[in-house]
Amino acid sequence: MMNNELILMPVIGMMLLTAVVWLYMLALRLSYIARHHIDGSQVASPEQLREQLPEVVNQPANNFKNLCELPIIFYAISIMIYASYSVDTFYVKAGLMFLVLRIGHSFVHCTFNHVGLRFAFYLGSSVVLWAMIARFSLLQLF
């Protein structure tokens, strides 16, 4: 039987990725605001923030939002796999693959933002996630 805690490695990895992107977003935004002497009242809403800051500064914020979308489903399925003692090689490898693809997606999104490459990482991670969910569902139901 496989160590049930192994599924937590990619979960913790995703949490760390989210923290890194958040820190990068914060540092980029605050340094831009300070360098350009932007008053806080000019960026009081998300809409104002988007208008005041260039796209390159907003990209990490957009990525941070992405990390609060499909990865939430990844967290849920991982917890379900963990709680049901269903961890096996497939789930651990799939979880790690999801993490690696999301790291690639975040790197592209936060740096040079090539949409085609970013989409390839997104699509790959999505397929892995849906495969995890489909397999878990089928094994639980049948």
N, C-alpha and C. Protein backbone atom coordinates (compact mmCIF):
# COMPACT_ATOMS: atom_id res chain seq x y z
N MET A 1 0.85 -1.19 0.00
CA MET A 1 0.00 0.00 0.00
C MET A 1 0.89 1.25 0.00
N MET A 2 0.50 2.24 -0.77
CA MET A 2 1.26 3.47 -0.91
C MET A 2 1.02 4.39 0.28
N ASN A 3 2.03 5.16 0.61
CA ASN A 3 1.94 6.15 1.68
C ASN A 3 0.87 7.19 1.30
N ASN A 4 -0.18 7.27 2.06
CA ASN A 4 -1.31 8.16 1.79
C ASN A 4 -0.90 9.63 1.76
N GLU A 5 0.13 9.99 2.53
CA GLU A 5 0.54 11.39 2.62
C GLU A 5 1.22 11.90 1.34
N LEU A 6 1.62 11.00 0.45
CA LEU A 6 2.31 11.44 -0.77
C LEU A 6 1.46 12.36 -1.63
N ILE A 7 0.14 12.23 -1.58
CA ILE A 7 -0.74 13.10 -2.36
C ILE A 7 -0.67 14.54 -1.85
N LEU A 8 -0.19 14.72 -0.63
CA LEU A 8 -0.10 16.07 -0.07
C LEU A 8 1.09 16.86 -0.62
N MET A 9 2.07 16.18 -1.20
CA MET A 9 3.23 16.89 -1.78
C MET A 9 2.81 17.89 -2.86
N PRO A 10 2.05 17.47 -3.88
CA PRO A 10 1.64 18.46 -4.88
C PRO A 10 0.66 19.49 -4.33
N VAL A 11 -0.11 19.12 -3.33
CA VAL A 11 -1.03 20.08 -2.70
C VAL A 11 -0.23 21.19 -2.03
N ILE A 12 0.77 20.81 -1.26
CA ILE A 12 1.62 21.80 -0.60
C ILE A 12 2.39 22.59 -1.64
N GLY A 13 2.84 21.91 -2.70
CA GLY A 13 3.52 22.61 -3.79
C GLY A 13 2.65 23.68 -4.42
N MET A 14 1.37 23.37 -4.63
CA MET A 14 0.45 24.37 -5.19
C MET A 14 0.26 25.55 -4.24
N MET A 15 0.20 25.26 -2.95
CA MET A 15 0.07 26.34 -1.97
C MET A 15 1.31 27.23 -1.98
N LEU A 16 2.48 26.60 -2.09
CA LEU A 16 3.72 27.38 -2.15
C LEU A 16 3.79 28.20 -3.44
N LEU A 17 3.38 27.61 -4.56
CA LEU A 17 3.33 28.35 -5.82
C LEU A 17 2.44 29.58 -5.69
N THR A 18 1.27 29.39 -5.08
CA THR A 18 0.34 30.51 -4.89
C THR A 18 0.96 31.59 -4.02
N ALA A 19 1.69 31.20 -2.99
CA ALA A 19 2.36 32.16 -2.11
C ALA A 19 3.45 32.92 -2.88
N VAL A 20 4.22 32.22 -3.71
CA VAL A 20 5.28 32.87 -4.49
C VAL A 20 4.69 33.88 -5.46
N VAL A 21 3.62 33.49 -6.15
CA VAL A 21 2.98 34.42 -7.10
C VAL A 21 2.40 35.62 -6.36
N TRP A 22 1.81 35.38 -5.20
CA TRP A 22 1.26 36.49 -4.41
C TRP A 22 2.36 37.45 -3.98
N LEU A 23 3.48 36.92 -3.52
CA LEU A 23 4.60 37.78 -3.11
C LEU A 23 5.16 38.56 -4.30
N TYR A 24 5.29 37.91 -5.44
CA TYR A 24 5.78 38.57 -6.65
C TYR A 24 4.82 39.68 -7.07
N MET A 25 3.52 39.39 -7.05
CA MET A 25 2.50 40.37 -7.40
C MET A 25 2.59 41.58 -6.47
N LEU A 26 2.68 41.31 -5.19
CA LEU A 26 2.74 42.38 -4.19
C LEU A 26 3.99 43.25 -4.39
N ALA A 27 5.13 42.60 -4.55
CA ALA A 27 6.38 43.34 -4.74
C ALA A 27 6.34 44.19 -6.01
N LEU A 28 5.85 43.62 -7.10
CA LEU A 28 5.78 44.33 -8.37
C LEU A 28 4.84 45.53 -8.28
N ARG A 29 3.68 45.31 -7.71
CA ARG A 29 2.70 46.40 -7.60
C ARG A 29 3.20 47.52 -6.67
N LEU A 30 3.67 47.13 -5.49
CA LEU A 30 4.11 48.16 -4.54
C LEU A 30 5.29 48.95 -5.05
N SER A 31 6.24 48.27 -5.70
CA SER A 31 7.40 49.01 -6.22
C SER A 31 6.99 49.94 -7.36
N TYR A 32 6.06 49.50 -8.22
CA TYR A 32 5.59 50.37 -9.31
C TYR A 32 4.86 51.58 -8.74
N ILE A 33 3.98 51.35 -7.78
CA ILE A 33 3.22 52.44 -7.17
C ILE A 33 4.16 53.43 -6.49
N ALA A 34 5.15 52.94 -5.78
CA ALA A 34 6.11 53.82 -5.11
C ALA A 34 6.96 54.60 -6.12
N ARG A 35 7.48 53.93 -7.15
CA ARG A 35 8.33 54.58 -8.16
C ARG A 35 7.58 55.66 -8.92
N HIS A 36 6.29 55.44 -9.14
CA HIS A 36 5.51 56.39 -9.93
C HIS A 36 4.65 57.31 -9.07
N HIS A 37 4.88 57.28 -7.77
CA HIS A 37 4.20 58.18 -6.81
C HIS A 37 2.68 58.19 -7.01
N ILE A 38 2.11 57.00 -7.10
CA ILE A 38 0.66 56.87 -7.27
C ILE A 38 0.02 56.89 -5.89
N ASP A 39 -0.95 57.77 -5.73
CA ASP A 39 -1.69 57.88 -4.47
C ASP A 39 -2.61 56.67 -4.31
N GLY A 40 -2.72 56.18 -3.10
CA GLY A 40 -3.56 55.02 -2.81
C GLY A 40 -5.00 55.19 -3.26
N SER A 41 -5.51 56.41 -3.23
CA SER A 41 -6.90 56.63 -3.64
C SER A 41 -7.08 56.41 -5.15
N GLN A 42 -5.98 56.47 -5.90
CA GLN A 42 -6.06 56.25 -7.35
C GLN A 42 -6.15 54.77 -7.72
N VAL A 43 -5.87 53.91 -6.75
CA VAL A 43 -5.89 52.47 -7.00
C VAL A 43 -6.74 51.75 -5.93
N ALA A 44 -7.81 52.40 -5.52
CA ALA A 44 -8.64 51.88 -4.44
C ALA A 44 -9.52 50.71 -4.86
N SER A 45 -9.79 50.58 -6.14
CA SER A 45 -10.62 49.47 -6.61
C SER A 45 -9.82 48.63 -7.61
N PRO A 46 -10.22 47.40 -7.83
CA PRO A 46 -9.52 46.57 -8.83
C PRO A 46 -9.53 47.22 -10.22
N GLU A 47 -10.61 47.88 -10.57
CA GLU A 47 -10.70 48.54 -11.87
C GLU A 47 -9.68 49.67 -11.97
N GLN A 48 -9.57 50.48 -10.92
CA GLN A 48 -8.60 51.57 -10.91
C GLN A 48 -7.17 51.03 -10.96
N LEU A 49 -6.94 49.96 -10.24
CA LEU A 49 -5.62 49.34 -10.22
C LEU A 49 -5.23 48.90 -11.62
N ARG A 50 -6.15 48.23 -12.32
CA ARG A 50 -5.88 47.79 -13.69
C ARG A 50 -5.61 48.97 -14.61
N GLU A 51 -6.33 50.06 -14.42
CA GLU A 51 -6.16 51.24 -15.28
C GLU A 51 -4.83 51.95 -15.01
N GLN A 52 -4.40 52.00 -13.76
CA GLN A 52 -3.21 52.75 -13.37
C GLN A 52 -1.89 52.00 -13.64
N LEU A 53 -1.96 50.68 -13.63
CA LEU A 53 -0.74 49.89 -13.76
C LEU A 53 -0.64 49.27 -15.14
N PRO A 54 0.57 49.18 -15.68
CA PRO A 54 0.73 48.55 -17.00
C PRO A 54 0.46 47.05 -16.92
N GLU A 55 0.18 46.45 -18.07
CA GLU A 55 -0.17 45.03 -18.13
C GLU A 55 0.90 44.14 -17.51
N VAL A 56 2.16 44.48 -17.72
CA VAL A 56 3.25 43.65 -17.19
C VAL A 56 3.22 43.61 -15.66
N VAL A 57 2.71 44.66 -15.03
CA VAL A 57 2.58 44.69 -13.58
C VAL A 57 1.31 43.95 -13.14
N ASN A 58 0.30 43.96 -13.99
CA ASN A 58 -0.96 43.29 -13.66
C ASN A 58 -0.94 41.78 -13.93
N GLN A 59 -0.01 41.30 -14.76
CA GLN A 59 0.02 39.88 -15.12
C GLN A 59 0.10 38.95 -13.90
N PRO A 60 0.96 39.21 -12.92
CA PRO A 60 0.97 38.33 -11.74
C PRO A 60 -0.37 38.31 -11.00
N ALA A 61 -1.08 39.44 -10.99
CA ALA A 61 -2.40 39.48 -10.34
C ALA A 61 -3.38 38.61 -11.11
N ASN A 62 -3.29 38.65 -12.42
CA ASN A 62 -4.16 37.79 -13.24
C ASN A 62 -3.84 36.32 -12.98
N ASN A 63 -2.55 36.01 -12.85
CA ASN A 63 -2.16 34.64 -12.57
C ASN A 63 -2.63 34.22 -11.18
N PHE A 64 -2.53 35.12 -10.22
CA PHE A 64 -2.99 34.81 -8.87
C PHE A 64 -4.47 34.44 -8.88
N LYS A 65 -5.25 35.17 -9.67
CA LYS A 65 -6.68 34.85 -9.80
C LYS A 65 -6.85 33.45 -10.39
N ASN A 66 -6.04 33.11 -11.41
CA ASN A 66 -6.09 31.77 -12.00
C ASN A 66 -5.79 30.70 -10.96
N LEU A 67 -4.87 31.00 -10.03
CA LEU A 67 -4.51 30.03 -9.00
C LEU A 67 -5.61 29.84 -7.95
N CYS A 68 -6.65 30.67 -8.06
CA CYS A 68 -7.80 30.54 -7.15
C CYS A 68 -9.02 30.03 -7.91
N GLU A 69 -8.79 29.40 -9.06
CA GLU A 69 -9.89 28.85 -9.86
C GLU A 69 -9.76 27.33 -9.94
N LEU A 70 -9.26 26.78 -11.04
CA LEU A 70 -9.14 25.32 -11.17
C LEU A 70 -8.33 24.66 -10.06
N PRO A 71 -7.27 25.28 -9.56
CA PRO A 71 -6.56 24.63 -8.45
C PRO A 71 -7.43 24.35 -7.23
N ILE A 72 -8.49 25.09 -7.04
CA ILE A 72 -9.40 24.82 -5.93
C ILE A 72 -10.01 23.42 -6.10
N ILE A 73 -10.34 23.08 -7.32
CA ILE A 73 -10.87 21.74 -7.60
C ILE A 73 -9.78 20.69 -7.36
N PHE A 74 -8.54 21.03 -7.71
CA PHE A 74 -7.42 20.12 -7.44
C PHE A 74 -7.28 19.87 -5.94
N TYR A 75 -7.39 20.92 -5.15
CA TYR A 75 -7.32 20.75 -3.70
C TYR A 75 -8.44 19.82 -3.22
N ALA A 76 -9.63 20.04 -3.73
CA ALA A 76 -10.78 19.24 -3.30
C ALA A 76 -10.60 17.77 -3.66
N ILE A 77 -10.23 17.47 -4.89
CA ILE A 77 -10.09 16.06 -5.28
C ILE A 77 -8.93 15.42 -4.53
N SER A 78 -7.87 16.17 -4.29
CA SER A 78 -6.73 15.62 -3.54
C SER A 78 -7.13 15.28 -2.10
N ILE A 79 -7.93 16.14 -1.50
CA ILE A 79 -8.40 15.87 -0.13
C ILE A 79 -9.33 14.66 -0.13
N MET A 80 -10.16 14.53 -1.15
CA MET A 80 -11.05 13.38 -1.24
C MET A 80 -10.25 12.08 -1.41
N ILE A 81 -9.22 12.14 -2.25
CA ILE A 81 -8.36 10.97 -2.46
C ILE A 81 -7.66 10.62 -1.15
N TYR A 82 -7.16 11.62 -0.47
CA TYR A 82 -6.46 11.41 0.80
C TYR A 82 -7.42 10.83 1.86
N ALA A 83 -8.58 11.44 1.99
CA ALA A 83 -9.54 11.03 3.03
C ALA A 83 -10.09 9.63 2.81
N SER A 84 -10.14 9.21 1.57
CA SER A 84 -10.68 7.87 1.28
C SER A 84 -9.58 6.81 1.19
N TYR A 85 -8.36 7.19 1.54
CA TYR A 85 -7.21 6.27 1.48
C TYR A 85 -7.08 5.64 0.10
N SER A 86 -7.29 6.45 -0.94
CA SER A 86 -7.23 5.97 -2.32
C SER A 86 -5.92 6.31 -3.02
N VAL A 87 -4.97 6.85 -2.29
CA VAL A 87 -3.71 7.29 -2.90
C VAL A 87 -3.01 6.10 -3.54
N ASP A 88 -2.62 6.28 -4.80
CA ASP A 88 -1.81 5.29 -5.50
C ASP A 88 -0.84 6.02 -6.43
N THR A 89 -0.06 5.28 -7.16
CA THR A 89 0.96 5.87 -8.03
C THR A 89 0.34 6.83 -9.05
N PHE A 90 -0.80 6.45 -9.62
CA PHE A 90 -1.45 7.31 -10.61
C PHE A 90 -1.74 8.69 -10.02
N TYR A 91 -2.37 8.73 -8.85
CA TYR A 91 -2.76 10.01 -8.27
C TYR A 91 -1.54 10.85 -7.88
N VAL A 92 -0.52 10.22 -7.36
CA VAL A 92 0.68 10.97 -6.97
C VAL A 92 1.35 11.55 -8.21
N LYS A 93 1.52 10.73 -9.25
CA LYS A 93 2.14 11.23 -10.49
C LYS A 93 1.27 12.30 -11.15
N ALA A 94 -0.03 12.08 -11.16
CA ALA A 94 -0.94 13.07 -11.75
C ALA A 94 -0.89 14.38 -10.96
N GLY A 95 -0.88 14.28 -9.64
CA GLY A 95 -0.80 15.48 -8.81
C GLY A 95 0.49 16.24 -9.05
N LEU A 96 1.59 15.52 -9.16
CA LEU A 96 2.89 16.18 -9.44
C LEU A 96 2.90 16.77 -10.84
N MET A 97 2.28 16.08 -11.79
CA MET A 97 2.20 16.61 -13.15
C MET A 97 1.36 17.89 -13.17
N PHE A 98 0.25 17.88 -12.44
CA PHE A 98 -0.59 19.08 -12.34
C PHE A 98 0.24 20.23 -11.79
N LEU A 99 0.99 19.97 -10.72
CA LEU A 99 1.83 21.00 -10.11
C LEU A 99 2.86 21.54 -11.11
N VAL A 100 3.56 20.67 -11.79
CA VAL A 100 4.60 21.10 -12.74
C VAL A 100 3.99 21.93 -13.87
N LEU A 101 2.86 21.49 -14.39
CA LEU A 101 2.20 22.24 -15.46
C LEU A 101 1.70 23.59 -14.96
N ARG A 102 1.22 23.66 -13.73
CA ARG A 102 0.78 24.95 -13.18
C ARG A 102 1.97 25.87 -12.90
N ILE A 103 3.10 25.31 -12.51
CA ILE A 103 4.30 26.13 -12.35
C ILE A 103 4.68 26.72 -13.71
N GLY A 104 4.65 25.89 -14.75
CA GLY A 104 4.94 26.40 -16.09
C GLY A 104 3.96 27.49 -16.49
N HIS A 105 2.68 27.27 -16.25
CA HIS A 105 1.66 28.26 -16.57
C HIS A 105 1.93 29.57 -15.84
N SER A 106 2.22 29.48 -14.55
CA SER A 106 2.48 30.69 -13.75
C SER A 106 3.74 31.41 -14.23
N PHE A 107 4.78 30.65 -14.52
CA PHE A 107 6.03 31.28 -15.00
C PHE A 107 5.77 32.06 -16.28
N VAL A 108 5.10 31.43 -17.24
CA VAL A 108 4.83 32.11 -18.51
C VAL A 108 3.93 33.32 -18.27
N HIS A 109 2.88 33.14 -17.48
CA HIS A 109 1.91 34.21 -17.24
C HIS A 109 2.54 35.41 -16.54
N CYS A 110 3.45 35.15 -15.61
CA CYS A 110 4.05 36.24 -14.83
C CYS A 110 5.27 36.87 -15.50
N THR A 111 5.74 36.29 -16.60
CA THR A 111 6.95 36.83 -17.24
C THR A 111 6.63 37.29 -18.66
N PHE A 112 6.95 36.49 -19.66
CA PHE A 112 6.83 36.93 -21.05
C PHE A 112 5.43 36.72 -21.63
N ASN A 113 4.58 36.01 -20.95
CA ASN A 113 3.14 35.87 -21.26
C ASN A 113 2.84 35.50 -22.71
N HIS A 114 3.49 34.48 -23.21
CA HIS A 114 3.17 33.95 -24.54
C HIS A 114 1.86 33.17 -24.41
N VAL A 115 0.81 33.67 -25.01
CA VAL A 115 -0.53 33.13 -24.80
C VAL A 115 -0.64 31.67 -25.24
N GLY A 116 -0.06 31.31 -26.38
CA GLY A 116 -0.13 29.94 -26.87
C GLY A 116 0.54 28.96 -25.91
N LEU A 117 1.72 29.30 -25.44
CA LEU A 117 2.43 28.44 -24.49
C LEU A 117 1.69 28.37 -23.16
N ARG A 118 1.23 29.52 -22.71
CA ARG A 118 0.47 29.57 -21.45
C ARG A 118 -0.78 28.69 -21.56
N PHE A 119 -1.47 28.75 -22.68
CA PHE A 119 -2.67 27.94 -22.88
C PHE A 119 -2.32 26.45 -22.90
N ALA A 120 -1.18 26.09 -23.49
CA ALA A 120 -0.76 24.68 -23.52
C ALA A 120 -0.56 24.16 -22.10
N PHE A 121 0.08 24.95 -21.25
CA PHE A 121 0.24 24.55 -19.84
C PHE A 121 -1.11 24.45 -19.14
N TYR A 122 -1.98 25.41 -19.41
CA TYR A 122 -3.31 25.42 -18.81
C TYR A 122 -4.11 24.18 -19.24
N LEU A 123 -4.12 23.93 -20.54
CA LEU A 123 -4.87 22.80 -21.06
C LEU A 123 -4.32 21.48 -20.52
N GLY A 124 -3.01 21.34 -20.51
CA GLY A 124 -2.40 20.12 -19.98
C GLY A 124 -2.77 19.89 -18.53
N SER A 125 -2.68 20.94 -17.72
CA SER A 125 -3.02 20.78 -16.29
C SER A 125 -4.50 20.47 -16.12
N SER A 126 -5.34 21.04 -16.96
CA SER A 126 -6.78 20.78 -16.88
C SER A 126 -7.09 19.33 -17.23
N VAL A 127 -6.46 18.81 -18.25
CA VAL A 127 -6.68 17.41 -18.64
C VAL A 127 -6.27 16.48 -17.51
N VAL A 128 -5.13 16.76 -16.89
CA VAL A 128 -4.67 15.95 -15.76
C VAL A 128 -5.69 16.00 -14.62
N LEU A 129 -6.17 17.19 -14.32
CA LEU A 129 -7.14 17.35 -13.24
C LEU A 129 -8.43 16.58 -13.53
N TRP A 130 -8.97 16.73 -14.73
CA TRP A 130 -10.22 16.04 -15.07
C TRP A 130 -10.00 14.53 -15.08
N ALA A 131 -8.80 14.07 -15.46
CA ALA A 131 -8.50 12.63 -15.41
C ALA A 131 -8.51 12.13 -13.97
N MET A 132 -7.94 12.92 -13.06
CA MET A 132 -7.96 12.54 -11.65
C MET A 132 -9.39 12.42 -11.14
N ILE A 133 -10.21 13.39 -11.49
CA ILE A 133 -11.61 13.40 -11.04
C ILE A 133 -12.39 12.24 -11.65
N ALA A 134 -12.21 12.03 -12.94
CA ALA A 134 -12.93 10.94 -13.61
C ALA A 134 -12.55 9.59 -13.01
N ARG A 135 -11.26 9.36 -12.82
CA ARG A 135 -10.81 8.08 -12.27
C ARG A 135 -11.33 7.88 -10.84
N PHE A 136 -11.21 8.91 -10.03
CA PHE A 136 -11.69 8.81 -8.65
C PHE A 136 -13.19 8.52 -8.63
N SER A 137 -13.94 9.24 -9.44
CA SER A 137 -15.40 9.07 -9.48
C SER A 137 -15.77 7.65 -9.92
N LEU A 138 -15.14 7.18 -10.96
CA LEU A 138 -15.45 5.83 -11.45
C LEU A 138 -15.09 4.76 -10.43
N LEU A 139 -13.94 4.90 -9.78
CA LEU A 139 -13.53 3.91 -8.78
C LEU A 139 -14.43 3.95 -7.55
N GLN A 140 -14.95 5.11 -7.22
CA GLN A 140 -15.83 5.20 -6.06
C GLN A 140 -17.23 4.70 -6.36
N LEU A 141 -17.67 4.91 -7.58
CA LEU A 141 -19.04 4.53 -7.94
C LEU A 141 -19.18 3.08 -8.37
N PHE A 142 -18.12 2.49 -8.88
CA PHE A 142 -18.23 1.13 -9.42
C PHE A 142 -17.27 0.17 -8.75
